[in-house]
Amino acid sequence: MRAAAHGDALIEPSITRRLVEQFAAAEAPPGVPGAMAGLTDREREVLRLVARGLSNAEIAAEMTVAATTVKTHVARILAKLGVRDRVQAVVLAYETGFVTRSR
């Protein structure tokens, strides 16, 4: 009662346990490394194109969207992955196996 009066929420321990179990059991979509699972399909597509070395304008042309849309996707990718630039995003994509070197 005191917690509720202070604006806090209490969750029954059995519910907390189930939530933690479900969260722990959650898997990334098939073929998507955990670090990339938070990205949308479109963001993953943009990241693959960035990893190929394409500029925003080239990505926009390939995806038939505006360059500003690509910039927005790139900014969201960087934020979600917790990296500061495109290079770090590409390095992470390779390190996690999300993209591989094509021959």
PDB file of N, CA and C in Angstrom:
ATOM      1  N   MET A   1       0.831  -1.183   0.000  1.00  0.00           N
ATOM      2  CA  MET A   1       0.000   0.000   0.000  1.00  0.00           C
ATOM      3  C   MET A   1       0.877   1.248   0.000  1.00  0.00           C
ATOM      4  N   ARG A   2       1.937   1.241   0.819  1.00  0.00           N
ATOM      5  CA  ARG A   2       2.805   2.417   0.877  1.00  0.00           C
ATOM      6  C   ARG A   2       3.477   2.668  -0.470  1.00  0.00           C
ATOM      7  N   ALA A   3       3.908   1.586  -1.105  1.00  0.00           N
ATOM      8  CA  ALA A   3       4.568   1.738  -2.404  1.00  0.00           C
ATOM      9  C   ALA A   3       3.608   2.354  -3.414  1.00  0.00           C
ATOM     10  N   ALA A   4       2.376   1.869  -3.426  1.00  0.00           N
ATOM     11  CA  ALA A   4       1.377   2.414  -4.347  1.00  0.00           C
ATOM     12  C   ALA A   4       1.088   3.876  -4.035  1.00  0.00           C
ATOM     13  N   ALA A   5       1.052   4.212  -2.750  1.00  0.00           N
ATOM     14  CA  ALA A   5       0.794   5.594  -2.353  1.00  0.00           C
ATOM     15  C   ALA A   5       1.912   6.523  -2.815  1.00  0.00           C
ATOM     16  N   HIS A   6       3.125   5.982  -2.946  1.00  0.00           N
ATOM     17  CA  HIS A   6       4.262   6.777  -3.414  1.00  0.00           C
ATOM     18  C   HIS A   6       4.403   6.739  -4.937  1.00  0.00           C
ATOM     19  N   GLY A   7       3.450   6.111  -5.605  1.00  0.00           N
ATOM     20  CA  GLY A   7       3.489   6.057  -7.065  1.00  0.00           C
ATOM     21  C   GLY A   7       4.290   4.904  -7.629  1.00  0.00           C
ATOM     22  N   ASP A   8       4.769   4.010  -6.772  1.00  0.00           N
ATOM     23  CA  ASP A   8       5.515   2.851  -7.242  1.00  0.00           C
ATOM     24  C   ASP A   8       4.550   1.733  -7.609  1.00  0.00           C
ATOM     25  N   ALA A   9       5.027   0.851  -8.454  1.00  0.00           N
ATOM     26  CA  ALA A   9       4.216  -0.302  -8.835  1.00  0.00           C
ATOM     27  C   ALA A   9       4.904  -1.561  -8.331  1.00  0.00           C
ATOM     28  N   LEU A  10       4.137  -2.463  -7.819  1.00  0.00           N
ATOM     29  CA  LEU A  10       4.671  -3.731  -7.355  1.00  0.00           C
ATOM     30  C   LEU A  10       4.158  -4.829  -8.264  1.00  0.00           C
ATOM     31  N   ILE A  11       5.048  -5.735  -8.588  1.00  0.00           N
ATOM     32  CA  ILE A  11       4.661  -6.874  -9.413  1.00  0.00           C
ATOM     33  C   ILE A  11       4.843  -8.117  -8.566  1.00  0.00           C
ATOM     34  N   GLU A  12       3.851  -8.949  -8.603  1.00  0.00           N
ATOM     35  CA  GLU A  12       3.892 -10.188  -7.840  1.00  0.00           C
ATOM     36  C   GLU A  12       5.117 -11.003  -8.259  1.00  0.00           C
ATOM     37  N   PRO A  13       5.830 -11.599  -7.303  1.00  0.00           N
ATOM     38  CA  PRO A  13       7.054 -12.344  -7.626  1.00  0.00           C
ATOM     39  C   PRO A  13       6.874 -13.410  -8.705  1.00  0.00           C
ATOM     40  N   SER A  14       5.747 -14.095  -8.712  1.00  0.00           N
ATOM     41  CA  SER A  14       5.546 -15.132  -9.731  1.00  0.00           C
ATOM     42  C   SER A  14       5.459 -14.516 -11.127  1.00  0.00           C
ATOM     43  N   ILE A  15       4.878 -13.329 -11.222  1.00  0.00           N
ATOM     44  CA  ILE A  15       4.792 -12.641 -12.515  1.00  0.00           C
ATOM     45  C   ILE A  15       6.173 -12.140 -12.922  1.00  0.00           C
ATOM     46  N   THR A  16       6.910 -11.596 -11.964  1.00  0.00           N
ATOM     47  CA  THR A  16       8.267 -11.133 -12.247  1.00  0.00           C
ATOM     48  C   THR A  16       9.115 -12.280 -12.778  1.00  0.00           C
ATOM     49  N   ARG A  17       9.006 -13.429 -12.129  1.00  0.00           N
ATOM     50  CA  ARG A  17       9.771 -14.603 -12.544  1.00  0.00           C
ATOM     51  C   ARG A  17       9.436 -14.988 -13.978  1.00  0.00           C
ATOM     52  N   ARG A  18       8.137 -15.000 -14.321  1.00  0.00           N
ATOM     53  CA  ARG A  18       7.723 -15.353 -15.684  1.00  0.00           C
ATOM     54  C   ARG A  18       8.237 -14.343 -16.704  1.00  0.00           C
ATOM     55  N   LEU A  19       8.187 -13.062 -16.350  1.00  0.00           N
ATOM     56  CA  LEU A  19       8.683 -12.027 -17.263  1.00  0.00           C
ATOM     57  C   LEU A  19      10.177 -12.197 -17.529  1.00  0.00           C
ATOM     58  N   VAL A  20      10.932 -12.448 -16.475  1.00  0.00           N
ATOM     59  CA  VAL A  20      12.374 -12.635 -16.625  1.00  0.00           C
ATOM     60  C   VAL A  20      12.664 -13.877 -17.464  1.00  0.00           C
ATOM     61  N   GLU A  21      11.938 -14.965 -17.219  1.00  0.00           N
ATOM     62  CA  GLU A  21      12.139 -16.193 -17.988  1.00  0.00           C
ATOM     63  C   GLU A  21      11.838 -15.968 -19.466  1.00  0.00           C
ATOM     64  N   GLN A  22      10.746 -15.258 -19.764  1.00  0.00           N
ATOM     65  CA  GLN A  22      10.393 -14.984 -21.157  1.00  0.00           C
ATOM     66  C   GLN A  22      11.438 -14.094 -21.814  1.00  0.00           C
ATOM     67  N   PHE A  23      11.904 -13.082 -21.098  1.00  0.00           N
ATOM     68  CA  PHE A  23      12.917 -12.188 -21.648  1.00  0.00           C
ATOM     69  C   PHE A  23      14.201 -12.956 -21.928  1.00  0.00           C
ATOM     70  N   ALA A  24      14.602 -13.800 -20.995  1.00  0.00           N
ATOM     71  CA  ALA A  24      15.838 -14.565 -21.157  1.00  0.00           C
ATOM     72  C   ALA A  24      15.730 -15.565 -22.300  1.00  0.00           C
ATOM     73  N   ALA A  25      14.532 -16.094 -22.516  1.00  0.00           N
ATOM     74  CA  ALA A  25      14.328 -17.082 -23.569  1.00  0.00           C
ATOM     75  C   ALA A  25      14.139 -16.450 -24.941  1.00  0.00           C
ATOM     76  N   ALA A  26      13.879 -15.154 -24.978  1.00  0.00           N
ATOM     77  CA  ALA A  26      13.653 -14.479 -26.258  1.00  0.00           C
ATOM     78  C   ALA A  26      14.908 -14.573 -27.111  1.00  0.00           C
ATOM     79  N   GLU A  27      14.706 -14.883 -28.363  1.00  0.00           N
ATOM     80  CA  GLU A  27      15.829 -15.029 -29.272  1.00  0.00           C
ATOM     81  C   GLU A  27      15.736 -13.988 -30.367  1.00  0.00           C
ATOM     82  N   ALA A  28      16.864 -13.722 -30.975  1.00  0.00           N
ATOM     83  CA  ALA A  28      16.882 -12.836 -32.138  1.00  0.00           C
ATOM     84  C   ALA A  28      16.166 -13.547 -33.282  1.00  0.00           C
ATOM     85  N   PRO A  29      15.616 -12.788 -34.231  1.00  0.00           N
ATOM     86  CA  PRO A  29      15.017 -13.432 -35.396  1.00  0.00           C
ATOM     87  C   PRO A  29      16.044 -14.342 -36.058  1.00  0.00           C
ATOM     88  N   PRO A  30      15.587 -15.423 -36.716  1.00  0.00           N
ATOM     89  CA  PRO A  30      16.527 -16.357 -37.335  1.00  0.00           C
ATOM     90  C   PRO A  30      17.518 -15.627 -38.239  1.00  0.00           C
ATOM     91  N   GLY A  31      18.785 -15.956 -38.084  1.00  0.00           N
ATOM     92  CA  GLY A  31      19.811 -15.365 -38.927  1.00  0.00           C
ATOM     93  C   GLY A  31      20.241 -13.961 -38.531  1.00  0.00           C
ATOM     94  N   VAL A  32      19.726 -13.450 -37.420  1.00  0.00           N
ATOM     95  CA  VAL A  32      20.076 -12.094 -36.999  1.00  0.00           C
ATOM     96  C   VAL A  32      20.819 -12.167 -35.670  1.00  0.00           C
ATOM     97  N   PRO A  33      22.106 -11.767 -35.663  1.00  0.00           N
ATOM     98  CA  PRO A  33      22.851 -11.769 -34.398  1.00  0.00           C
ATOM     99  C   PRO A  33      22.176 -10.874 -33.366  1.00  0.00           C
ATOM    100  N   GLY A  34      22.340 -11.203 -32.101  1.00  0.00           N
ATOM    101  CA  GLY A  34      21.679 -10.480 -31.018  1.00  0.00           C
ATOM    102  C   GLY A  34      21.817  -8.979 -31.075  1.00  0.00           C
ATOM    103  N   ALA A  35      23.011  -8.480 -31.383  1.00  0.00           N
ATOM    104  CA  ALA A  35      23.226  -7.031 -31.419  1.00  0.00           C
ATOM    105  C   ALA A  35      22.370  -6.360 -32.480  1.00  0.00           C
ATOM    106  N   MET A  36      22.016  -7.094 -33.521  1.00  0.00           N
ATOM    107  CA  MET A  36      21.252  -6.519 -34.628  1.00  0.00           C
ATOM    108  C   MET A  36      19.747  -6.729 -34.477  1.00  0.00           C
ATOM    109  N   ALA A  37      19.356  -7.513 -33.487  1.00  0.00           N
ATOM    110  CA  ALA A  37      17.945  -7.857 -33.328  1.00  0.00           C
ATOM    111  C   ALA A  37      17.071  -6.647 -33.052  1.00  0.00           C
ATOM    112  N   GLY A  38      17.636  -5.591 -32.476  1.00  0.00           N
ATOM    113  CA  GLY A  38      16.856  -4.390 -32.177  1.00  0.00           C
ATOM    114  C   GLY A  38      16.593  -3.517 -33.384  1.00  0.00           C
ATOM    115  N   LEU A  39      17.234  -3.840 -34.504  1.00  0.00           N
ATOM    116  CA  LEU A  39      17.034  -3.054 -35.716  1.00  0.00           C
ATOM    117  C   LEU A  39      15.812  -3.550 -36.477  1.00  0.00           C
ATOM    118  N   THR A  40      15.149  -2.635 -37.157  1.00  0.00           N
ATOM    119  CA  THR A  40      14.036  -3.028 -38.020  1.00  0.00           C
ATOM    120  C   THR A  40      14.602  -3.700 -39.268  1.00  0.00           C
ATOM    121  N   ASP A  41      13.744  -4.366 -40.025  1.00  0.00           N
ATOM    122  CA  ASP A  41      14.186  -4.990 -41.273  1.00  0.00           C
ATOM    123  C   ASP A  41      14.817  -3.958 -42.195  1.00  0.00           C
ATOM    124  N   ARG A  42      14.200  -2.794 -42.279  1.00  0.00           N
ATOM    125  CA  ARG A  42      14.692  -1.724 -43.151  1.00  0.00           C
ATOM    126  C   ARG A  42      16.059  -1.226 -42.674  1.00  0.00           C
ATOM    127  N   GLU A  43      16.229  -1.082 -41.371  1.00  0.00           N
ATOM    128  CA  GLU A  43      17.516  -0.650 -40.828  1.00  0.00           C
ATOM    129  C   GLU A  43      18.597  -1.694 -41.098  1.00  0.00           C
ATOM    130  N   ARG A  44      18.239  -2.973 -40.995  1.00  0.00           N
ATOM    131  CA  ARG A  44      19.211  -4.028 -41.304  1.00  0.00           C
ATOM    132  C   ARG A  44      19.604  -3.974 -42.778  1.00  0.00           C
ATOM    133  N   GLU A  45      18.632  -3.698 -43.638  1.00  0.00           N
ATOM    134  CA  GLU A  45      18.917  -3.562 -45.068  1.00  0.00           C
ATOM    135  C   GLU A  45      19.881  -2.395 -45.311  1.00  0.00           C
ATOM    136  N   VAL A  46      19.623  -1.270 -44.662  1.00  0.00           N
ATOM    137  CA  VAL A  46      20.501  -0.101 -44.798  1.00  0.00           C
ATOM    138  C   VAL A  46      21.899  -0.441 -44.290  1.00  0.00           C
ATOM    139  N   LEU A  47      21.996  -1.116 -43.160  1.00  0.00           N
ATOM    140  CA  LEU A  47      23.304  -1.463 -42.607  1.00  0.00           C
ATOM    141  C   LEU A  47      24.081  -2.363 -43.565  1.00  0.00           C
ATOM    142  N   ARG A  48      23.407  -3.305 -44.194  1.00  0.00           N
ATOM    143  CA  ARG A  48      24.087  -4.163 -45.172  1.00  0.00           C
ATOM    144  C   ARG A  48      24.651  -3.333 -46.326  1.00  0.00           C
ATOM    145  N   LEU A  49      23.882  -2.346 -46.770  1.00  0.00           N
ATOM    146  CA  LEU A  49      24.337  -1.488 -47.866  1.00  0.00           C
ATOM    147  C   LEU A  49      25.474  -0.574 -47.418  1.00  0.00           C
ATOM    148  N   VAL A  50      25.399  -0.077 -46.192  1.00  0.00           N
ATOM    149  CA  VAL A  50      26.497   0.725 -45.640  1.00  0.00           C
ATOM    150  C   VAL A  50      27.761  -0.135 -45.598  1.00  0.00           C
ATOM    151  N   ALA A  51      27.618  -1.390 -45.189  1.00  0.00           N
ATOM    152  CA  ALA A  51      28.762  -2.297 -45.099  1.00  0.00           C
ATOM    153  C   ALA A  51      29.366  -2.582 -46.471  1.00  0.00           C
ATOM    154  N   ARG A  52      28.568  -2.445 -47.524  1.00  0.00           N
ATOM    155  CA  ARG A  52      29.088  -2.610 -48.888  1.00  0.00           C
ATOM    156  C   ARG A  52      29.823  -1.366 -49.359  1.00  0.00           C
ATOM    157  N   GLY A  53      29.797  -0.305 -48.543  1.00  0.00           N
ATOM    158  CA  GLY A  53      30.515   0.913 -48.879  1.00  0.00           C
ATOM    159  C   GLY A  53      29.705   1.942 -49.633  1.00  0.00           C
ATOM    160  N   LEU A  54      28.388   1.762 -49.700  1.00  0.00           N
ATOM    161  CA  LEU A  54      27.549   2.704 -50.429  1.00  0.00           C
ATOM    162  C   LEU A  54      27.342   3.986 -49.631  1.00  0.00           C
ATOM    163  N   SER A  55      27.256   5.099 -50.344  1.00  0.00           N
ATOM    164  CA  SER A  55      26.954   6.391 -49.723  1.00  0.00           C
ATOM    165  C   SER A  55      25.454   6.478 -49.472  1.00  0.00           C
ATOM    166  N   ASN A  56      25.034   7.491 -48.724  1.00  0.00           N
ATOM    167  CA  ASN A  56      23.602   7.687 -48.488  1.00  0.00           C
ATOM    168  C   ASN A  56      22.855   7.846 -49.806  1.00  0.00           C
ATOM    169  N   ALA A  57      23.430   8.605 -50.744  1.00  0.00           N
ATOM    170  CA  ALA A  57      22.778   8.825 -52.038  1.00  0.00           C
ATOM    171  C   ALA A  57      22.651   7.514 -52.812  1.00  0.00           C
ATOM    172  N   GLU A  58      23.685   6.692 -52.772  1.00  0.00           N
ATOM    173  CA  GLU A  58      23.641   5.400 -53.467  1.00  0.00           C
ATOM    174  C   GLU A  58      22.629   4.458 -52.820  1.00  0.00           C
ATOM    175  N   ILE A  59      22.584   4.462 -51.499  1.00  0.00           N
ATOM    176  CA  ILE A  59      21.604   3.633 -50.785  1.00  0.00           C
ATOM    177  C   ILE A  59      20.198   4.101 -51.125  1.00  0.00           C
ATOM    178  N   ALA A  60      19.993   5.411 -51.142  1.00  0.00           N
ATOM    179  CA  ALA A  60      18.678   5.971 -51.476  1.00  0.00           C
ATOM    180  C   ALA A  60      18.243   5.525 -52.862  1.00  0.00           C
ATOM    181  N   ALA A  61      19.154   5.566 -53.821  1.00  0.00           N
ATOM    182  CA  ALA A  61      18.820   5.149 -55.186  1.00  0.00           C
ATOM    183  C   ALA A  61      18.482   3.664 -55.233  1.00  0.00           C
ATOM    184  N   GLU A  62      19.255   2.854 -54.529  1.00  0.00           N
ATOM    185  CA  GLU A  62      19.019   1.406 -54.521  1.00  0.00           C
ATOM    186  C   GLU A  62      17.683   1.056 -53.863  1.00  0.00           C
ATOM    187  N   MET A  63      17.337   1.786 -52.800  1.00  0.00           N
ATOM    188  CA  MET A  63      16.109   1.488 -52.055  1.00  0.00           C
ATOM    189  C   MET A  63      14.914   2.299 -52.550  1.00  0.00           C
ATOM    190  N   THR A  64      15.151   3.185 -53.501  1.00  0.00           N
ATOM    191  CA  THR A  64      14.133   4.112 -54.018  1.00  0.00           C
ATOM    192  C   THR A  64      13.437   4.891 -52.900  1.00  0.00           C
ATOM    193  N   VAL A  65      14.275   5.527 -52.084  1.00  0.00           N
ATOM    194  CA  VAL A  65      13.801   6.422 -51.023  1.00  0.00           C
ATOM    195  C   VAL A  65      14.639   7.694 -51.091  1.00  0.00           C
ATOM    196  N   ALA A  66      14.255   8.697 -50.334  1.00  0.00           N
ATOM    197  CA  ALA A  66      15.011   9.951 -50.289  1.00  0.00           C
ATOM    198  C   ALA A  66      16.284   9.767 -49.470  1.00  0.00           C
ATOM    199  N   ALA A  67      17.302  10.534 -49.817  1.00  0.00           N
ATOM    200  CA  ALA A  67      18.564  10.480 -49.073  1.00  0.00           C
ATOM    201  C   ALA A  67      18.355  10.850 -47.606  1.00  0.00           C
ATOM    202  N   THR A  68      17.406  11.747 -47.340  1.00  0.00           N
ATOM    203  CA  THR A  68      17.129  12.119 -45.946  1.00  0.00           C
ATOM    204  C   THR A  68      16.554  10.939 -45.169  1.00  0.00           C
ATOM    205  N   THR A  69      15.812  10.088 -45.852  1.00  0.00           N
ATOM    206  CA  THR A  69      15.278   8.881 -45.205  1.00  0.00           C
ATOM    207  C   THR A  69      16.427   7.956 -44.824  1.00  0.00           C
ATOM    208  N   VAL A  70      17.386   7.823 -45.711  1.00  0.00           N
ATOM    209  CA  VAL A  70      18.554   6.988 -45.425  1.00  0.00           C
ATOM    210  C   VAL A  70      19.320   7.567 -44.240  1.00  0.00           C
ATOM    211  N   LYS A  71      19.503   8.892 -44.226  1.00  0.00           N
ATOM    212  CA  LYS A  71      20.191   9.537 -43.099  1.00  0.00           C
ATOM    213  C   LYS A  71      19.491   9.227 -41.785  1.00  0.00           C
ATOM    214  N   THR A  72      18.167   9.264 -41.805  1.00  0.00           N
ATOM    215  CA  THR A  72      17.390   8.952 -40.604  1.00  0.00           C
ATOM    216  C   THR A  72      17.630   7.508 -40.178  1.00  0.00           C
ATOM    217  N   HIS A  73      17.591   6.582 -41.142  1.00  0.00           N
ATOM    218  CA  HIS A  73      17.843   5.172 -40.824  1.00  0.00           C
ATOM    219  C   HIS A  73      19.239   4.994 -40.229  1.00  0.00           C
ATOM    220  N   VAL A  74      20.232   5.631 -40.834  1.00  0.00           N
ATOM    221  CA  VAL A  74      21.607   5.504 -40.343  1.00  0.00           C
ATOM    222  C   VAL A  74      21.715   6.047 -38.921  1.00  0.00           C
ATOM    223  N   ALA A  75      21.107   7.191 -38.668  1.00  0.00           N
ATOM    224  CA  ALA A  75      21.148   7.773 -37.317  1.00  0.00           C
ATOM    225  C   ALA A  75      20.513   6.832 -36.299  1.00  0.00           C
ATOM    226  N   ARG A  76      19.410   6.213 -36.671  1.00  0.00           N
ATOM    227  CA  ARG A  76      18.743   5.271 -35.750  1.00  0.00           C
ATOM    228  C   ARG A  76      19.580   4.019 -35.533  1.00  0.00           C
ATOM    229  N   ILE A  77      20.223   3.554 -36.590  1.00  0.00           N
ATOM    230  CA  ILE A  77      21.106   2.387 -36.473  1.00  0.00           C
ATOM    231  C   ILE A  77      22.227   2.687 -35.479  1.00  0.00           C
ATOM    232  N   LEU A  78      22.869   3.836 -35.644  1.00  0.00           N
ATOM    233  CA  LEU A  78      23.970   4.208 -34.751  1.00  0.00           C
ATOM    234  C   LEU A  78      23.497   4.283 -33.305  1.00  0.00           C
ATOM    235  N   ALA A  79      22.332   4.891 -33.101  1.00  0.00           N
ATOM    236  CA  ALA A  79      21.797   5.028 -31.740  1.00  0.00           C
ATOM    237  C   ALA A  79      21.471   3.665 -31.141  1.00  0.00           C
ATOM    238  N   LYS A  80      20.814   2.812 -31.910  1.00  0.00           N
ATOM    239  CA  LYS A  80      20.414   1.503 -31.388  1.00  0.00           C
ATOM    240  C   LYS A  80      21.612   0.603 -31.102  1.00  0.00           C
ATOM    241  N   LEU A  81      22.653   0.726 -31.919  1.00  0.00           N
ATOM    242  CA  LEU A  81      23.836  -0.113 -31.721  1.00  0.00           C
ATOM    243  C   LEU A  81      24.810   0.489 -30.716  1.00  0.00           C
ATOM    244  N   GLY A  82      24.586   1.755 -30.360  1.00  0.00           N
ATOM    245  CA  GLY A  82      25.461   2.411 -29.396  1.00  0.00           C
ATOM    246  C   GLY A  82      26.846   2.700 -29.947  1.00  0.00           C
ATOM    247  N   VAL A  83      26.896   3.020 -31.230  1.00  0.00           N
ATOM    248  CA  VAL A  83      28.171   3.351 -31.867  1.00  0.00           C
ATOM    249  C   VAL A  83      28.138   4.797 -32.333  1.00  0.00           C
ATOM    250  N   ARG A  84      29.329   5.378 -32.590  1.00  0.00           N
ATOM    251  CA  ARG A  84      29.350   6.806 -32.904  1.00  0.00           C
ATOM    252  C   ARG A  84      29.380   7.125 -34.387  1.00  0.00           C
ATOM    253  N   ASP A  85      29.746   6.136 -35.228  1.00  0.00           N
ATOM    254  CA  ASP A  85      29.791   6.443 -36.654  1.00  0.00           C
ATOM    255  C   ASP A  85      29.567   5.190 -37.493  1.00  0.00           C
ATOM    256  N   ARG A  86      29.484   5.405 -38.805  1.00  0.00           N
ATOM    257  CA  ARG A  86      29.223   4.312 -39.744  1.00  0.00           C
ATOM    258  C   ARG A  86      30.302   3.237 -39.675  1.00  0.00           C
ATOM    259  N   VAL A  87      31.536   3.661 -39.498  1.00  0.00           N
ATOM    260  CA  VAL A  87      32.642   2.707 -39.454  1.00  0.00           C
ATOM    261  C   VAL A  87      32.454   1.739 -38.291  1.00  0.00           C
ATOM    262  N   GLN A  88      32.126   2.265 -37.116  1.00  0.00           N
ATOM    263  CA  GLN A  88      31.906   1.386 -35.960  1.00  0.00           C
ATOM    264  C   GLN A  88      30.721   0.457 -36.198  1.00  0.00           C
ATOM    265  N   ALA A  89      29.682   0.952 -36.854  1.00  0.00           N
ATOM    266  CA  ALA A  89      28.517   0.109 -37.146  1.00  0.00           C
ATOM    267  C   ALA A  89      28.913  -1.039 -38.064  1.00  0.00           C
ATOM    268  N   VAL A  90      29.717  -0.741 -39.079  1.00  0.00           N
ATOM    269  CA  VAL A  90      30.156  -1.782 -40.012  1.00  0.00           C
ATOM    270  C   VAL A  90      31.068  -2.783 -39.309  1.00  0.00           C
ATOM    271  N   VAL A  91      31.976  -2.291 -38.480  1.00  0.00           N
ATOM    272  CA  VAL A  91      32.858  -3.191 -37.728  1.00  0.00           C
ATOM    273  C   VAL A  91      32.017  -4.130 -36.871  1.00  0.00           C
ATOM    274  N   LEU A  92      31.034  -3.594 -36.168  1.00  0.00           N
ATOM    275  CA  LEU A  92      30.160  -4.421 -35.335  1.00  0.00           C
ATOM    276  C   LEU A  92      29.395  -5.431 -36.186  1.00  0.00           C
ATOM    277  N   ALA A  93      28.929  -5.005 -37.344  1.00  0.00           N
ATOM    278  CA  ALA A  93      28.197  -5.911 -38.236  1.00  0.00           C
ATOM    279  C   ALA A  93      29.074  -7.090 -38.652  1.00  0.00           C
ATOM    280  N   TYR A  94      30.345  -6.820 -38.939  1.00  0.00           N
ATOM    281  CA  TYR A  94      31.268  -7.907 -39.291  1.00  0.00           C
ATOM    282  C   TYR A  94      31.618  -8.763 -38.077  1.00  0.00           C
ATOM    283  N   GLU A  95      31.872  -8.122 -36.950  1.00  0.00           N
ATOM    284  CA  GLU A  95      32.253  -8.870 -35.742  1.00  0.00           C
ATOM    285  C   GLU A  95      31.163  -9.819 -35.280  1.00  0.00           C
ATOM    286  N   THR A  96      29.913  -9.436 -35.467  1.00  0.00           N
ATOM    287  CA  THR A  96      28.805 -10.290 -35.036  1.00  0.00           C
ATOM    288  C   THR A  96      28.411 -11.313 -36.094  1.00  0.00           C
ATOM    289  N   GLY A  97      29.009 -11.202 -37.277  1.00  0.00           N
ATOM    290  CA  GLY A  97      28.651 -12.120 -38.352  1.00  0.00           C
ATOM    291  C   GLY A  97      27.396 -11.710 -39.097  1.00  0.00           C
ATOM    292  N   PHE A  98      26.881 -10.520 -38.801  1.00  0.00           N
ATOM    293  CA  PHE A  98      25.682 -10.033 -39.487  1.00  0.00           C
ATOM    294  C   PHE A  98      25.950  -9.864 -40.974  1.00  0.00           C
ATOM    295  N   VAL A  99      27.131  -9.376 -41.294  1.00  0.00           N
ATOM    296  CA  VAL A  99      27.570  -9.324 -42.688  1.00  0.00           C
ATOM    297  C   VAL A  99      28.896 -10.058 -42.779  1.00  0.00           C
ATOM    298  N   THR A 100      29.149 -10.617 -43.936  1.00  0.00           N
ATOM    299  CA  THR A 100      30.408 -11.308 -44.178  1.00  0.00           C
ATOM    300  C   THR A 100      31.020 -10.757 -45.448  1.00  0.00           C
ATOM    301  N   ARG A 101      32.305 -10.929 -45.554  1.00  0.00           N
ATOM    302  CA  ARG A 101      33.007 -10.435 -46.734  1.00  0.00           C
ATOM    303  C   ARG A 101      32.586 -11.255 -47.940  1.00  0.00           C
ATOM    304  N   SER A 102      32.152 -10.572 -48.992  1.00  0.00           N
ATOM    305  CA  SER A 102      31.789 -11.287 -50.216  1.00  0.00           C
ATOM    306  C   SER A 102      33.029 -11.414 -51.082  1.00  0.00           C
ATOM    307  N   ARG A 103      33.080 -12.467 -51.766  1.00  0.00           N
ATOM    308  CA  ARG A 103      34.282 -12.720 -52.579  1.00  0.00           C
ATOM    309  C   ARG A 103      34.017 -12.403 -54.013  1.00  0.00           C
TER     310      ARG A 103
END
